Protein backbone atom coordinates (compact mmCIF):
# COMPACT_ATOMS: atom_id res chain seq x y z
CA MET A 1 0.01 0.00 -0.01
CA LYS A 2 1.36 3.41 -0.99
CA ASP A 3 2.07 6.05 1.59
CA PRO A 4 1.03 9.32 -0.10
CA LEU A 5 3.34 12.30 0.27
CA VAL A 6 0.35 14.59 0.53
CA ARG A 7 -2.99 13.55 1.96
CA ALA A 8 -6.19 15.56 2.48
CA GLU A 9 -9.14 13.88 4.23
CA GLY A 10 -12.47 15.55 4.58
CA LEU A 11 -11.12 19.11 4.40
CA ARG A 12 -13.80 21.68 5.18
CA LYS A 13 -13.71 25.47 5.25
CA TRP A 14 -16.44 28.05 5.65
CA TYR A 15 -16.68 31.79 6.21
CA GLY A 16 -19.29 33.90 8.01
CA ARG A 17 -21.57 33.03 10.90
CA SER A 18 -24.62 30.91 11.41
CA GLY A 19 -27.36 31.97 9.03
CA HIS A 20 -24.85 33.74 6.74
CA ARG A 21 -22.29 31.00 6.32
CA VAL A 22 -20.56 30.38 3.00
CA ASP A 23 -19.19 26.85 2.61
CA VAL A 24 -16.01 26.87 0.50
CA LEU A 25 -14.80 23.31 1.05
CA THR A 26 -17.34 20.62 1.89
CA GLY A 27 -15.15 17.60 2.35
CA VAL A 28 -12.14 17.41 0.06
CA ASP A 29 -10.22 14.09 -0.20
CA LEU A 30 -6.99 14.04 -2.12
CA THR A 31 -3.62 12.27 -2.27
CA LEU A 32 -0.35 12.99 -4.00
CA ASP A 33 2.26 10.26 -4.33
CA ARG A 34 6.04 10.83 -4.49
CA GLY A 35 7.25 11.86 -7.90
CA GLU A 36 3.70 12.45 -9.12
CA VAL A 37 1.98 15.46 -10.72
CA LEU A 38 -1.58 16.04 -9.50
CA ALA A 39 -3.70 18.70 -11.15
CA LEU A 40 -6.66 20.14 -9.25
CA LEU A 41 -8.90 21.35 -12.07
CA GLY A 42 -11.97 23.48 -11.71
CA PRO A 43 -13.62 26.89 -12.29
CA ASN A 44 -13.11 30.00 -10.23
CA GLY A 45 -14.77 29.57 -6.87
CA ALA A 46 -14.57 25.80 -6.84
CA GLY A 47 -12.19 25.60 -3.86
CA LYS A 48 -8.81 25.16 -5.52
CA THR A 49 -6.91 28.02 -3.87
CA THR A 50 -8.47 27.36 -0.48
CA THR A 51 -7.34 23.75 -0.64
CA VAL A 52 -3.79 24.86 -1.47
CA ARG A 53 -3.74 27.49 1.31
CA ILE A 54 -4.75 24.88 3.85
CA LEU A 55 -2.18 22.32 2.68
CA THR A 56 0.60 24.93 2.70
CA THR A 57 -0.27 26.01 6.30
CA LEU A 58 -1.56 29.46 5.35
CA LEU A 59 -5.14 28.71 6.38
CA ARG A 60 -6.61 26.55 9.15
CA PRO A 61 -9.35 24.10 8.07
CA ASP A 62 -12.70 24.03 9.91
CA GLY A 63 -12.79 20.28 9.52
CA GLY A 64 -10.81 17.33 8.24
CA THR A 65 -7.04 16.81 8.20
CA GLY A 66 -4.10 17.43 5.91
CA THR A 67 -0.62 15.90 6.08
CA ILE A 68 2.56 16.31 4.07
CA GLY A 69 5.39 13.91 4.49
CA GLY A 70 3.53 12.56 7.53
CA TYR A 71 3.42 16.02 9.22
CA ASP A 72 0.07 17.55 10.09
CA VAL A 73 -0.44 20.91 8.35
CA VAL A 74 -1.87 22.42 11.55
CA GLY A 75 0.03 20.74 14.37
CA ASP A 76 3.38 20.39 12.53
CA ALA A 77 3.15 23.55 10.38
CA ARG A 78 6.82 24.48 10.83
CA ARG A 79 8.02 21.04 9.68
CA VAL A 80 5.62 21.13 6.73
CA ARG A 81 7.01 24.50 5.59
CA GLU A 82 10.54 23.05 5.57
CA ILE A 83 9.66 20.54 2.85
CA ILE A 84 7.28 22.51 0.60
CA SER A 85 7.31 25.52 -1.65
CA LEU A 86 4.41 27.58 -2.98
CA THR A 87 4.11 29.74 -6.08
CA GLY A 88 0.85 31.60 -6.41
CA GLN A 89 -1.07 33.22 -9.24
CA TYR A 90 0.97 36.39 -9.12
CA ALA A 91 4.80 36.71 -9.05
CA ALA A 92 5.91 37.65 -5.54
CA VAL A 93 9.18 39.33 -6.41
CA ASP A 94 10.72 42.72 -5.59
CA GLU A 95 10.50 44.85 -8.74
CA LYS A 96 13.22 47.23 -7.54
CA GLN A 97 15.83 44.50 -7.29
CA THR A 98 17.48 42.55 -10.04
CA GLY A 99 16.63 38.94 -10.72
CA ARG A 100 19.89 37.81 -9.12
CA GLU A 101 19.30 40.02 -6.06
CA ASN A 102 15.80 38.59 -5.62
CA LEU A 103 17.07 34.98 -5.62
CA THR A 104 20.02 35.81 -3.36
CA MET A 105 17.75 37.51 -0.84
CA MET A 106 15.40 34.49 -0.85
CA GLY A 107 18.32 32.16 -0.26
CA ARG A 108 19.52 34.18 2.69
CA LEU A 109 16.04 34.36 4.17
CA ALA A 110 16.01 30.55 4.00
CA HIS A 111 19.31 30.56 5.97
CA LEU A 112 21.20 28.71 3.26
CA PRO A 113 24.99 28.88 3.40
CA HIS A 114 26.52 31.66 1.29
CA ARG A 115 28.30 29.30 -1.09
CA THR A 116 25.14 27.24 -1.57
CA VAL A 117 23.15 30.38 -2.32
CA THR A 118 25.65 31.51 -4.97
CA THR A 119 25.70 28.11 -6.68
CA ARG A 120 21.94 27.63 -6.53
CA VAL A 121 21.23 31.14 -7.87
CA ASP A 122 23.55 30.60 -10.84
CA ASP A 123 22.00 27.20 -11.58
CA LEU A 124 18.45 28.51 -11.39
CA LEU A 125 19.09 31.56 -13.54
CA SER A 126 20.53 29.26 -16.13
CA GLY A 127 17.80 26.63 -15.85
CA PHE A 128 15.02 29.22 -16.13
CA ASP A 129 16.67 31.01 -19.07
CA LEU A 130 17.20 34.20 -17.09
CA VAL A 131 20.97 34.60 -17.35
CA ASP A 132 20.84 37.51 -19.80
CA ALA A 133 18.36 39.34 -17.58
CA ALA A 134 19.90 38.36 -14.26
CA ASP A 135 21.33 41.84 -13.50
CA ARG A 136 18.38 43.84 -14.78
CA ARG A 137 15.73 45.22 -12.42
CA VAL A 138 12.62 43.04 -12.31
CA ASP A 139 10.39 45.97 -13.25
CA THR A 140 11.88 45.59 -16.78
CA TYR A 141 10.81 41.91 -16.98
CA SER A 142 7.85 40.57 -18.94
CA GLY A 143 5.05 38.75 -17.09
CA GLY A 144 6.42 35.39 -18.15
CA MET A 145 9.95 36.25 -16.94
CA ARG A 146 8.64 37.39 -13.56
CA ARG A 147 6.67 34.14 -13.19
CA ARG A 148 9.78 32.10 -14.01
CA LEU A 149 11.81 34.08 -11.47
CA ASP A 150 9.11 33.51 -8.85
CA LEU A 151 9.16 29.82 -9.59
CA ALA A 152 12.97 29.76 -9.41
CA ALA A 153 12.80 31.39 -5.94
CA GLY A 154 10.52 28.61 -4.78
CA LEU A 155 13.10 25.99 -5.77
CA LEU A 156 16.05 27.41 -3.80
CA ILE A 157 15.35 24.98 -0.94
CA ARG A 158 14.74 21.98 -3.23
CA PRO A 159 11.27 21.18 -1.84
CA GLN A 160 9.78 17.71 -1.72
CA VAL A 161 6.48 19.18 -2.83
CA LEU A 162 5.99 22.21 -5.06
CA PHE A 163 2.53 23.80 -4.97
CA LEU A 164 1.70 25.83 -8.10
CA ASP A 165 -1.52 27.74 -7.80
CA GLU A 166 -2.63 28.62 -11.36
CA PRO A 167 0.99 29.40 -12.44
CA THR A 168 0.15 30.39 -16.01
CA THR A 169 -2.85 32.65 -15.35
CA GLY A 170 -2.62 35.79 -17.40
CA LEU A 171 0.30 34.66 -19.53
CA ASP A 172 0.27 34.78 -23.31
CA PRO A 173 0.31 31.42 -25.18
CA ARG A 174 4.05 31.55 -25.82
CA SER A 175 4.92 32.31 -22.20
CA ARG A 176 2.57 29.57 -21.12
CA GLN A 177 4.39 27.06 -23.32
CA THR A 178 7.69 28.16 -21.80
CA MET A 179 6.32 27.70 -18.27
CA TRP A 180 5.13 24.18 -19.15
CA GLU A 181 8.66 23.29 -20.28
CA VAL A 182 10.07 24.63 -17.01
CA ILE A 183 7.51 22.68 -14.98
CA ARG A 184 8.36 19.48 -16.81
CA SER A 185 12.04 19.94 -16.02
CA ILE A 186 11.23 20.48 -12.32
CA VAL A 187 9.29 17.22 -12.20
CA ALA A 188 12.03 15.39 -14.10
CA ASP A 189 14.46 16.44 -11.30
CA GLY A 190 12.29 14.54 -8.75
CA THR A 191 10.04 17.19 -7.21
CA SER A 192 6.41 16.16 -6.61
CA LEU A 193 3.96 18.70 -7.94
CA PHE A 194 0.54 19.87 -6.79
CA LEU A 195 -0.94 22.03 -9.53
CA THR A 196 -4.17 24.01 -9.63
CA THR A 197 -5.43 25.24 -12.99
CA GLN A 198 -8.44 26.34 -14.97
CA TYR A 199 -6.77 25.34 -18.22
CA LEU A 200 -7.86 21.95 -19.55
CA GLU A 201 -4.87 21.65 -21.85
CA GLU A 202 -2.49 22.40 -18.94
CA ALA A 203 -3.92 19.58 -16.84
CA ASP A 204 -3.97 17.20 -19.81
CA LEU A 205 -0.30 17.86 -20.68
CA LEU A 206 1.30 18.02 -17.28
CA ALA A 207 -0.61 15.81 -14.82
CA ASP A 208 -0.27 12.14 -14.02
CA ARG A 209 -3.63 12.38 -12.33
CA ILE A 210 -6.40 14.97 -12.36
CA ALA A 211 -8.92 15.76 -9.65
CA LEU A 212 -12.01 17.68 -10.77
CA ILE A 213 -13.25 19.96 -8.04
CA ASP A 214 -16.60 21.67 -7.98
CA GLY A 215 -18.66 23.25 -5.24
CA GLY A 216 -15.97 22.53 -2.66
CA ARG A 217 -15.81 18.80 -3.28
CA VAL A 218 -13.83 16.52 -5.57
CA ALA A 219 -16.29 15.35 -8.24
CA ALA A 220 -14.01 12.81 -9.85
CA GLU A 221 -10.32 11.89 -10.21
CA GLY A 222 -8.10 9.71 -12.32
CA THR A 223 -5.83 9.97 -15.30
CA ALA A 224 -6.99 12.12 -18.23
CA ALA A 225 -7.79 8.97 -20.24
CA GLN A 226 -9.76 7.43 -17.39
CA LEU A 227 -11.84 10.60 -16.90
CA LYS A 228 -12.56 10.98 -20.59
CA ARG A 229 -13.78 7.36 -20.81
CA GLN A 230 -16.51 8.31 -18.34
CA VAL A 231 -18.09 10.51 -21.04
CA GLY A 232 -18.21 7.76 -23.68
CA GLU A 233 -16.96 7.27 -27.18
CA ALA A 234 -15.46 9.69 -29.66
CA ASN A 235 -17.65 11.06 -32.44
CA ILE A 236 -17.19 11.89 -36.06
CA GLU A 237 -18.99 15.17 -36.69
CA PHE A 238 -20.29 16.03 -40.13
CA VAL A 239 -21.56 19.55 -40.95
CA PHE A 240 -23.75 20.08 -43.99
CA ASP A 241 -24.80 23.26 -45.82
CA ALA A 242 -28.51 22.58 -45.19
CA ALA A 243 -30.45 20.82 -42.45
CA VAL A 244 -32.37 18.79 -45.06
CA ASP A 245 -29.06 17.19 -46.21
CA ALA A 246 -28.22 16.26 -42.59
CA GLN A 247 -31.68 14.72 -42.18
CA ARG A 248 -31.33 12.69 -45.39
CA VAL A 249 -27.90 11.39 -44.52
CA GLY A 250 -28.93 10.62 -40.98
CA ALA A 251 -31.86 8.57 -42.24
CA ALA A 252 -29.50 6.53 -44.46
CA LEU A 253 -27.14 5.86 -41.58
CA THR A 254 -29.57 4.80 -38.87
CA ALA A 255 -27.53 1.62 -38.30
CA HIS A 256 -24.70 3.78 -37.01
CA SER A 257 -26.86 5.57 -34.36
CA PRO A 258 -26.40 9.12 -35.67
CA ILE A 259 -27.32 12.18 -33.58
CA ILE A 260 -28.79 14.93 -35.77
CA GLU A 261 -28.81 18.56 -34.68
CA SER A 262 -29.87 20.97 -37.41
CA ARG A 263 -27.04 20.83 -40.02
CA THR A 264 -24.79 18.61 -37.88
CA ILE A 265 -24.58 14.83 -37.55
CA ARG A 266 -22.55 13.14 -34.85
CA ILE A 267 -21.81 9.45 -35.16
CA PRO A 268 -20.12 7.43 -32.37
CA THR A 269 -16.79 5.87 -33.32
CA ASP A 270 -14.02 3.96 -31.66
CA GLY A 271 -11.59 6.37 -33.28
CA SER A 272 -9.85 3.68 -35.34
CA LEU A 273 -8.82 4.30 -38.90
CA ASP A 274 -10.95 1.40 -40.23
CA HIS A 275 -14.10 2.59 -38.51
CA SER A 276 -13.54 6.20 -39.53
CA ARG A 277 -13.08 5.11 -43.13
CA THR A 278 -16.31 3.04 -42.96
CA LEU A 279 -18.30 6.05 -41.80
CA LEU A 280 -16.79 8.37 -44.38
CA ASP A 281 -17.59 5.85 -47.15
CA ALA A 282 -21.15 5.50 -45.85
CA VAL A 283 -21.68 9.27 -45.97
CA ALA A 284 -20.18 9.44 -49.46
CA ALA A 285 -22.51 6.67 -50.66
CA THR A 286 -25.53 8.89 -49.88
CA GLY A 287 -24.38 11.38 -52.53
CA ALA A 288 -24.34 14.25 -50.08
CA THR A 289 -21.10 16.17 -49.59
CA PRO A 290 -20.51 17.59 -46.09
CA ALA A 291 -19.19 21.14 -45.79
CA GLY A 292 -16.74 19.78 -43.23
CA TRP A 293 -16.11 16.95 -40.86
CA ASP A 294 -13.98 16.31 -37.80
CA LEU A 295 -13.11 13.54 -35.37
CA ARG A 296 -14.03 14.79 -31.93
CA ALA A 297 -12.71 12.90 -28.91
CA PRO A 298 -14.12 13.59 -25.40
CA THR A 299 -12.39 16.45 -23.61
CA LEU A 300 -11.91 17.19 -19.93
CA ASP A 301 -14.53 19.94 -20.32
CA ASP A 302 -16.97 17.25 -21.58
CA VAL A 303 -16.20 15.28 -18.41
CA PHE A 304 -16.71 18.29 -16.17
CA LEU A 305 -19.96 19.17 -17.95
CA ALA A 306 -21.23 15.62 -17.60
CA LEU A 307 -20.41 15.47 -13.90
CA THR A 308 -21.42 18.95 -12.78
CA GLY A 309 -23.78 20.36 -15.40
CA HIS A 310 -21.39 23.17 -16.39
CA GLY A 311 -17.92 23.64 -17.81
CA THR A 312 -14.68 24.63 -16.16
CA THR A 313 -15.06 28.30 -17.15
CA THR A 314 -18.15 28.85 -15.00
CA ILE A 315 -17.61 31.58 -12.44
CA ASP A 316 -18.83 30.92 -8.89
CA ALA A 317 -17.83 33.68 -6.54
CA THR A 318 -18.35 31.77 -3.28
CA GLU A 319 -14.75 31.10 -2.62
CA GLU A 320 -11.62 33.09 -3.26
CA THR A 321 -12.74 36.53 -2.28
CA ALA A 322 -13.47 35.30 1.22
CA ALA A 323 -10.14 33.44 1.31
């Protein structure tokens, strides 16, 4: 039986008083194994940041327990802080200092030996592609550079667990791709990663397991493939110029269980080349030519919609403002 590095059992958190209470977490259960990447995926207000703040000792739960490395996040908070690092949604760096000065200051605040600080700062500046900007003030950095510097600062102590709370929020697509590469390199070096995100692609690309959180509770968890299988099969989607064409083709393909919506037909498929070719040939045999077609596999958003009734972009303001 595995001994998880991070464990949350029945975490609860609420704000306000009786009669005006807002429940943020209503019983969160999670585990993170050593060397694993866990993505906590959900919309704003679902409870992601509150969960992270409890597990990183910044917030006391109103119920349940959390442990990291066997240490309780409330009773052993000091020991927990020695083995974790947290990077939030916004870069927490001093804009008036250079990148090198920021990292050096963080190393000294962590009471690392001078020689260790110097070596680690040089290594991190190189690893995060910040050497050329190392001696420039941070207020000249782009948003992506600041985020990378913040992440580098969190790795000065070589944490057992790195918590990343929506690390690519607000970044442009290119900067987001760069951050993903950096995160992969961190995991490859042996750090376990607890990631919160609203981005489906981010969870799909980076995580070994994904936990879908909604309304303060984990709705489902598993690998991306396992979660997508809960939705069902892939579909080939055909779009026609006129609804009458879609109706005619659908009537001819009843054996394939088509779903007809106006000008669109969706037909379940196992995604194999042979079955896709069979369906394409069947449509061609009707004499109708679709305006376009596409193979559509289930997405994490489909999973979230099926489980919760809404997608991951839904805004629910019950959580983070109070936190």
